[in-house]
């Protein structure tokens, strides 16, 4: 095995994150979740150690940065000194508004709500995040196109039904020689471009 680098560890970081998600989604026991979270933390430790060896930053710097970010981005929970507020916003909407205002102040150079969405996200996650951000920015999230698939999706009552519909769409795409992931990434890009 060659020398460890940030680049060579990326696939393991992603794999471990997906394993945590799978553990949670399949209802595995707490011991398994604890182990999977430990595997993710190991990846963070390894990346921090590589940076420390180059004299860039340490694991302690990562932890301090995270603490500062949590305090900064959650003024509804923390005072600037890190102590807890005496009272908290009454609604989730108020919390989201505060969060968005802080994020916007931290990154004033971002010209659209879509900047900062990782292009490497799987297409469904990228589509969800794009539409979430568009909705919070007051952009239209419903396109005027009504297709039989959209009409069918509007009748879904459970995530399991939606999952079956998505699988059927991917199956149909595959049978026609289309790459569903690439097709959805393209649709998300086109949506973002229309609303920049």
Foldseek 3Di string as FASTA:
>chain_A
DDDDDLVVCVVQLVVLVVVLVVCVVVVPDPVVNVVSVVSNVVSVQVHQVVCVVVVRHHPVVVVVVVQQCCCQQQVQAADNVGDGDPHHDPDPVVSVVSNVVSVCVVCVVDPALLPPQDLPPFLVVSLVSLLVSCVVVVHDSDDPDDDPLNVVVVPDDDVVVVVVSVVVVCVVCVVVVHHVRVVSSVVSVVVVVVVD
